[in-house]
Amino acid sequence: MTTFVNASIAFASFVRQQIRWSVCHGITWSVSPKYTVCALTWENIDIDKGVIHINKTIQRIYLIEDGIRKTELIFDTPKTNSSIRYIPMSEDLLKMLKPIKKVVNNTFYILSNDSKPIEPRTYSSFYKSFMKSLGMPDLKFHGLRHSFATRCIESNCDYKTVSSLLGHSNINTTLNLYVHPNLEHKKKCIEQMFKALK
């Protein structure tokens, strides 16, 4: 019996690590704000449609009650209607999550695979350790979101789609934060304009 229990504990630990790695690999790449990632449950993962439904957030806030400062974990909806969205999964992420999704409790949080979520600050620590273990430079968690947006734009994805994926309520937010034409882009623009005139 002890061997079975130890094997079960080892398997559960393995699944948790796989889940966290999968999330670091794919979900956070586009969803990114840790208060959104930490609030994801398995119900948010639709394997058949290949999407992640973003519809809630989690954060720890400070309160003062009777002169005593304490904290409380708050669940909420994202700040704007456009922040509630569906994010398509990459084929790689879908392959990673498909077998895991078959054996998990849909009401459990993805990062903890438990009924209790992992808090954003705790996940930040995991992310930092994970990046260090890969020999990656120290990149802030939110930097993944910036990298995602930048790579989308460099891949010629249209700005409106990128804005929608990021959950921006206004395309100008996306344009102001992520679209910075360099000299090469400017040269290409001039060349295209003169070709059109010929």
C-alpha atoms as a PDB file:
ATOM      1  CA  MET A   1       0.000   0.000   0.000  1.00  0.00           C
ATOM      2  CA  THR A   2       2.861   2.385   0.858  1.00  0.00           C
ATOM      3  CA  THR A   3       4.386   1.890  -2.596  1.00  0.00           C
ATOM      4  CA  PHE A   4       1.049   2.773  -4.231  1.00  0.00           C
ATOM      5  CA  VAL A   5       0.703   5.915  -2.093  1.00  0.00           C
ATOM      6  CA  ASN A   6       4.286   6.983  -2.860  1.00  0.00           C
ATOM      7  CA  ALA A   7       3.738   6.351  -6.576  1.00  0.00           C
ATOM      8  CA  SER A   8       0.502   8.353  -6.462  1.00  0.00           C
ATOM      9  CA  ILE A   9       2.232  11.253  -4.714  1.00  0.00           C
ATOM     10  CA  ALA A  10       5.106  11.137  -7.217  1.00  0.00           C
ATOM     11  CA  PHE A  11       2.654  11.073 -10.133  1.00  0.00           C
ATOM     12  CA  ALA A  12       0.675  14.002  -8.698  1.00  0.00           C
ATOM     13  CA  SER A  13       3.914  15.951  -8.290  1.00  0.00           C
ATOM     14  CA  PHE A  14       4.908  15.114 -11.877  1.00  0.00           C
ATOM     15  CA  VAL A  15       1.504  16.250 -13.184  1.00  0.00           C
ATOM     16  CA  ARG A  16       1.773  19.529 -11.254  1.00  0.00           C
ATOM     17  CA  GLN A  17       5.220  20.202 -12.723  1.00  0.00           C
ATOM     18  CA  GLN A  18       3.992  19.332 -16.236  1.00  0.00           C
ATOM     19  CA  ILE A  19       1.038  21.643 -15.798  1.00  0.00           C
ATOM     20  CA  ARG A  20       3.180  24.505 -14.564  1.00  0.00           C
ATOM     21  CA  TRP A  21       5.656  23.978 -17.402  1.00  0.00           C
ATOM     22  CA  SER A  22       2.812  23.835 -19.931  1.00  0.00           C
ATOM     23  CA  VAL A  23       1.400  27.043 -18.561  1.00  0.00           C
ATOM     24  CA  CYS A  24       4.801  28.746 -18.650  1.00  0.00           C
ATOM     25  CA  HIS A  25       5.272  27.466 -22.187  1.00  0.00           C
ATOM     26  CA  GLY A  26       2.010  28.460 -23.720  1.00  0.00           C
ATOM     27  CA  ILE A  27      -0.716  30.073 -21.730  1.00  0.00           C
ATOM     28  CA  THR A  28       1.322  32.813 -20.124  1.00  0.00           C
ATOM     29  CA  TRP A  29       2.896  33.630 -23.471  1.00  0.00           C
ATOM     30  CA  SER A  30      -0.303  35.336 -24.545  1.00  0.00           C
ATOM     31  CA  VAL A  31      -2.467  35.684 -21.456  1.00  0.00           C
ATOM     32  CA  SER A  32       0.416  36.754 -19.280  1.00  0.00           C
ATOM     33  CA  PRO A  33      -0.970  38.835 -16.419  1.00  0.00           C
ATOM     34  CA  LYS A  34      -0.336  36.504 -13.527  1.00  0.00           C
ATOM     35  CA  TYR A  35      -3.572  37.479 -11.806  1.00  0.00           C
ATOM     36  CA  THR A  36      -5.396  36.021 -14.835  1.00  0.00           C
ATOM     37  CA  VAL A  37      -3.218  32.914 -15.247  1.00  0.00           C
ATOM     38  CA  CYS A  38      -3.550  32.005 -11.568  1.00  0.00           C
ATOM     39  CA  ALA A  39      -7.362  32.191 -11.812  1.00  0.00           C
ATOM     40  CA  LEU A  40      -7.615  29.677 -14.674  1.00  0.00           C
ATOM     41  CA  THR A  41      -9.413  26.419 -13.912  1.00  0.00           C
ATOM     42  CA  TRP A  42      -9.556  23.366 -16.131  1.00  0.00           C
ATOM     43  CA  GLU A  43     -13.059  24.489 -17.141  1.00  0.00           C
ATOM     44  CA  ASN A  44     -11.360  27.386 -18.945  1.00  0.00           C
ATOM     45  CA  ILE A  45      -9.537  24.966 -21.256  1.00  0.00           C
ATOM     46  CA  ASP A  46     -11.638  23.817 -24.202  1.00  0.00           C
ATOM     47  CA  ILE A  47      -9.657  21.063 -25.894  1.00  0.00           C
ATOM     48  CA  ASP A  48     -12.306  20.474 -28.598  1.00  0.00           C
ATOM     49  CA  LYS A  49     -12.269  24.101 -29.747  1.00  0.00           C
ATOM     50  CA  GLY A  50      -8.573  24.556 -28.919  1.00  0.00           C
ATOM     51  CA  VAL A  51      -9.125  27.704 -26.852  1.00  0.00           C
ATOM     52  CA  ILE A  52      -8.582  29.109 -23.373  1.00  0.00           C
ATOM     53  CA  HIS A  53     -11.452  31.142 -21.967  1.00  0.00           C
ATOM     54  CA  ILE A  54     -10.246  34.141 -19.946  1.00  0.00           C
ATOM     55  CA  ASN A  55     -13.024  35.258 -17.613  1.00  0.00           C
ATOM     56  CA  LYS A  56     -11.649  35.808 -14.116  1.00  0.00           C
ATOM     57  CA  THR A  57      -8.777  37.217 -12.099  1.00  0.00           C
ATOM     58  CA  ILE A  58      -7.295  36.618  -8.677  1.00  0.00           C
ATOM     59  CA  GLN A  59      -5.262  38.958  -6.507  1.00  0.00           C
ATOM     60  CA  ARG A  60      -4.304  39.497  -2.905  1.00  0.00           C
ATOM     61  CA  ILE A  61      -5.310  42.892  -1.580  1.00  0.00           C
ATOM     62  CA  TYR A  62      -4.535  44.694   1.669  1.00  0.00           C
ATOM     63  CA  LEU A  63      -7.373  45.562   4.026  1.00  0.00           C
ATOM     64  CA  ILE A  64      -7.523  47.347   7.348  1.00  0.00           C
ATOM     65  CA  GLU A  65     -10.167  46.036   9.732  1.00  0.00           C
ATOM     66  CA  ASP A  66     -10.418  47.387  13.268  1.00  0.00           C
ATOM     67  CA  GLY A  67      -7.032  49.046  12.809  1.00  0.00           C
ATOM     68  CA  ILE A  68      -5.401  45.740  11.886  1.00  0.00           C
ATOM     69  CA  ARG A  69      -3.778  45.381   8.491  1.00  0.00           C
ATOM     70  CA  LYS A  70      -4.460  42.051   6.802  1.00  0.00           C
ATOM     71  CA  THR A  71      -4.686  40.597   3.307  1.00  0.00           C
ATOM     72  CA  GLU A  72      -7.462  38.828   1.482  1.00  0.00           C
ATOM     73  CA  LEU A  73      -7.568  36.826  -1.724  1.00  0.00           C
ATOM     74  CA  ILE A  74     -10.081  38.369  -4.142  1.00  0.00           C
ATOM     75  CA  PHE A  75     -11.612  36.755  -7.227  1.00  0.00           C
ATOM     76  CA  ASP A  76     -13.033  39.104  -9.813  1.00  0.00           C
ATOM     77  CA  THR A  77     -13.739  39.516 -13.514  1.00  0.00           C
ATOM     78  CA  PRO A  78     -11.142  41.140 -15.779  1.00  0.00           C
ATOM     79  CA  LYS A  79     -11.141  44.946 -15.833  1.00  0.00           C
ATOM     80  CA  THR A  80     -12.858  45.403 -19.226  1.00  0.00           C
ATOM     81  CA  ASN A  81     -15.300  43.431 -21.373  1.00  0.00           C
ATOM     82  CA  SER A  82     -12.609  42.978 -24.005  1.00  0.00           C
ATOM     83  CA  SER A  83     -10.410  41.352 -21.345  1.00  0.00           C
ATOM     84  CA  ILE A  84     -12.948  38.520 -21.213  1.00  0.00           C
ATOM     85  CA  ARG A  85     -11.883  36.571 -24.275  1.00  0.00           C
ATOM     86  CA  TYR A  86     -10.966  33.303 -25.955  1.00  0.00           C
ATOM     87  CA  ILE A  87      -7.305  32.670 -26.743  1.00  0.00           C
ATOM     88  CA  PRO A  88      -6.498  30.002 -29.359  1.00  0.00           C
ATOM     89  CA  MET A  89      -3.918  27.462 -28.197  1.00  0.00           C
ATOM     90  CA  SER A  90      -0.864  26.527 -30.233  1.00  0.00           C
ATOM     91  CA  GLU A  91      -0.710  22.948 -31.512  1.00  0.00           C
ATOM     92  CA  ASP A  92       2.167  22.233 -29.098  1.00  0.00           C
ATOM     93  CA  LEU A  93       0.228  23.477 -26.084  1.00  0.00           C
ATOM     94  CA  LEU A  94      -2.864  21.562 -27.168  1.00  0.00           C
ATOM     95  CA  LYS A  95      -0.810  18.343 -27.419  1.00  0.00           C
ATOM     96  CA  MET A  96       0.595  18.923 -23.930  1.00  0.00           C
ATOM     97  CA  LEU A  97      -2.737  19.686 -22.301  1.00  0.00           C
ATOM     98  CA  LYS A  98      -4.950  17.116 -24.058  1.00  0.00           C
ATOM     99  CA  PRO A  99      -3.825  14.033 -22.063  1.00  0.00           C
ATOM    100  CA  ILE A 100      -3.701  15.994 -18.800  1.00  0.00           C
ATOM    101  CA  LYS A 101      -7.217  17.380 -19.302  1.00  0.00           C
ATOM    102  CA  LYS A 102      -8.589  13.814 -19.463  1.00  0.00           C
ATOM    103  CA  VAL A 103      -7.530  13.010 -15.893  1.00  0.00           C
ATOM    104  CA  VAL A 104      -8.004  16.262 -13.975  1.00  0.00           C
ATOM    105  CA  ASN A 105     -10.924  17.663 -12.013  1.00  0.00           C
ATOM    106  CA  ASN A 106     -12.436  20.450 -14.167  1.00  0.00           C
ATOM    107  CA  THR A 107     -13.143  22.632 -11.133  1.00  0.00           C
ATOM    108  CA  PHE A 108      -9.492  22.587 -10.015  1.00  0.00           C
ATOM    109  CA  TYR A 109      -7.125  25.462 -10.718  1.00  0.00           C
ATOM    110  CA  ILE A 110      -4.672  24.699 -13.493  1.00  0.00           C
ATOM    111  CA  LEU A 111      -1.502  25.800 -11.734  1.00  0.00           C
ATOM    112  CA  SER A 112      -2.129  23.945  -8.493  1.00  0.00           C
ATOM    113  CA  ASN A 113      -4.302  21.129  -9.878  1.00  0.00           C
ATOM    114  CA  ASP A 114      -6.189  21.581  -6.639  1.00  0.00           C
ATOM    115  CA  SER A 115      -9.279  23.359  -5.354  1.00  0.00           C
ATOM    116  CA  LYS A 116      -6.993  26.016  -3.879  1.00  0.00           C
ATOM    117  CA  PRO A 117      -5.283  28.378  -6.362  1.00  0.00           C
ATOM    118  CA  ILE A 118      -1.632  29.352  -6.482  1.00  0.00           C
ATOM    119  CA  GLU A 119      -1.356  33.028  -5.694  1.00  0.00           C
ATOM    120  CA  PRO A 120       0.190  35.422  -8.223  1.00  0.00           C
ATOM    121  CA  ARG A 121       3.182  36.207  -5.997  1.00  0.00           C
ATOM    122  CA  THR A 122       3.909  32.491  -5.525  1.00  0.00           C
ATOM    123  CA  TYR A 123       3.656  31.890  -9.257  1.00  0.00           C
ATOM    124  CA  SER A 124       6.062  34.766  -9.895  1.00  0.00           C
ATOM    125  CA  SER A 125       8.609  32.980  -7.698  1.00  0.00           C
ATOM    126  CA  PHE A 126       8.055  29.725  -9.602  1.00  0.00           C
ATOM    127  CA  TYR A 127       8.441  31.550 -12.909  1.00  0.00           C
ATOM    128  CA  LYS A 128      11.681  33.194 -11.768  1.00  0.00           C
ATOM    129  CA  SER A 129      13.117  29.824 -10.659  1.00  0.00           C
ATOM    130  CA  PHE A 130      11.928  28.187 -13.863  1.00  0.00           C
ATOM    131  CA  MET A 131      13.629  30.807 -16.037  1.00  0.00           C
ATOM    132  CA  LYS A 132      16.820  30.506 -13.977  1.00  0.00           C
ATOM    133  CA  SER A 133      16.804  26.700 -14.354  1.00  0.00           C
ATOM    134  CA  LEU A 134      16.660  27.171 -18.140  1.00  0.00           C
ATOM    135  CA  GLY A 135      19.591  29.599 -18.034  1.00  0.00           C
ATOM    136  CA  MET A 136      17.351  32.383 -19.320  1.00  0.00           C
ATOM    137  CA  PRO A 137      17.994  36.051 -18.548  1.00  0.00           C
ATOM    138  CA  ASP A 138      15.975  37.647 -15.789  1.00  0.00           C
ATOM    139  CA  LEU A 139      12.778  38.680 -17.592  1.00  0.00           C
ATOM    140  CA  LYS A 140       9.832  40.036 -15.661  1.00  0.00           C
ATOM    141  CA  PHE A 141       6.707  37.902 -15.904  1.00  0.00           C
ATOM    142  CA  HIS A 142       4.834  40.656 -17.744  1.00  0.00           C
ATOM    143  CA  GLY A 143       7.684  40.700 -20.269  1.00  0.00           C
ATOM    144  CA  LEU A 144       6.198  37.518 -21.772  1.00  0.00           C
ATOM    145  CA  ARG A 145       3.153  39.510 -22.789  1.00  0.00           C
ATOM    146  CA  HIS A 146       5.325  42.165 -24.423  1.00  0.00           C
ATOM    147  CA  SER A 147       7.347  39.469 -26.213  1.00  0.00           C
ATOM    148  CA  PHE A 148       4.153  37.806 -27.437  1.00  0.00           C
ATOM    149  CA  ALA A 149       2.756  41.067 -28.816  1.00  0.00           C
ATOM    150  CA  THR A 150       6.064  42.038 -30.418  1.00  0.00           C
ATOM    151  CA  ARG A 151       6.493  38.608 -32.079  1.00  0.00           C
ATOM    152  CA  CYS A 152       2.901  38.757 -33.395  1.00  0.00           C
ATOM    153  CA  ILE A 153       3.477  42.173 -34.924  1.00  0.00           C
ATOM    154  CA  GLU A 154       6.857  41.145 -36.369  1.00  0.00           C
ATOM    155  CA  SER A 155       5.069  38.128 -37.916  1.00  0.00           C
ATOM    156  CA  ASN A 156       2.725  40.550 -39.717  1.00  0.00           C
ATOM    157  CA  CYS A 157      -0.348  39.644 -37.672  1.00  0.00           C
ATOM    158  CA  ASP A 158      -2.924  42.371 -38.085  1.00  0.00           C
ATOM    159  CA  TYR A 159      -3.041  44.858 -35.226  1.00  0.00           C
ATOM    160  CA  LYS A 160      -6.738  44.368 -34.469  1.00  0.00           C
ATOM    161  CA  THR A 161      -6.243  40.629 -33.901  1.00  0.00           C
ATOM    162  CA  VAL A 162      -3.206  41.224 -31.691  1.00  0.00           C
ATOM    163  CA  SER A 163      -5.199  43.786 -29.718  1.00  0.00           C
ATOM    164  CA  SER A 164      -8.034  41.288 -29.280  1.00  0.00           C
ATOM    165  CA  LEU A 165      -5.670  38.505 -28.144  1.00  0.00           C
ATOM    166  CA  LEU A 166      -4.167  40.842 -25.550  1.00  0.00           C
ATOM    167  CA  GLY A 167      -7.614  41.869 -24.326  1.00  0.00           C
ATOM    168  CA  HIS A 168      -7.117  45.550 -25.056  1.00  0.00           C
ATOM    169  CA  SER A 169     -10.356  47.514 -25.255  1.00  0.00           C
ATOM    170  CA  ASN A 170      -8.814  49.949 -27.720  1.00  0.00           C
ATOM    171  CA  ILE A 171      -6.464  49.170 -30.608  1.00  0.00           C
ATOM    172  CA  ASN A 172      -4.580  52.405 -29.815  1.00  0.00           C
ATOM    173  CA  THR A 173      -3.329  50.795 -26.600  1.00  0.00           C
ATOM    174  CA  THR A 174      -1.752  48.028 -28.664  1.00  0.00           C
ATOM    175  CA  LEU A 175      -0.355  50.448 -31.230  1.00  0.00           C
ATOM    176  CA  ASN A 176       1.133  52.768 -28.608  1.00  0.00           C
ATOM    177  CA  LEU A 177       2.678  49.966 -26.551  1.00  0.00           C
ATOM    178  CA  TYR A 178       3.940  47.566 -29.200  1.00  0.00           C
ATOM    179  CA  VAL A 179       4.213  49.116 -32.649  1.00  0.00           C
ATOM    180  CA  HIS A 180       7.514  50.951 -32.986  1.00  0.00           C
ATOM    181  CA  PRO A 181       8.608  51.219 -36.615  1.00  0.00           C
ATOM    182  CA  ASN A 182      12.334  50.875 -37.068  1.00  0.00           C
ATOM    183  CA  LEU A 183      14.395  52.240 -39.964  1.00  0.00           C
ATOM    184  CA  GLU A 184      13.976  48.998 -41.919  1.00  0.00           C
ATOM    185  CA  HIS A 185      10.172  49.219 -41.673  1.00  0.00           C
ATOM    186  CA  LYS A 186      10.271  52.849 -42.770  1.00  0.00           C
ATOM    187  CA  LYS A 187      12.426  51.987 -45.824  1.00  0.00           C
ATOM    188  CA  LYS A 188      10.057  49.162 -46.753  1.00  0.00           C
ATOM    189  CA  CYS A 189       7.085  51.521 -46.462  1.00  0.00           C
ATOM    190  CA  ILE A 190       8.693  54.076 -48.793  1.00  0.00           C
ATOM    191  CA  GLU A 191       9.611  51.344 -51.296  1.00  0.00           C
ATOM    192  CA  GLN A 192       6.052  49.947 -51.276  1.00  0.00           C
ATOM    193  CA  MET A 193       4.566  53.399 -51.763  1.00  0.00           C
ATOM    194  CA  PHE A 194       6.827  54.149 -54.784  1.00  0.00           C
ATOM    195  CA  LYS A 195       6.115  50.719 -56.302  1.00  0.00           C
ATOM    196  CA  ALA A 196       2.405  51.481 -56.072  1.00  0.00           C
ATOM    197  CA  LEU A 197       2.945  54.786 -57.905  1.00  0.00           C
ATOM    198  CA  LYS A 198       4.652  53.145 -60.905  1.00  0.00           C
END
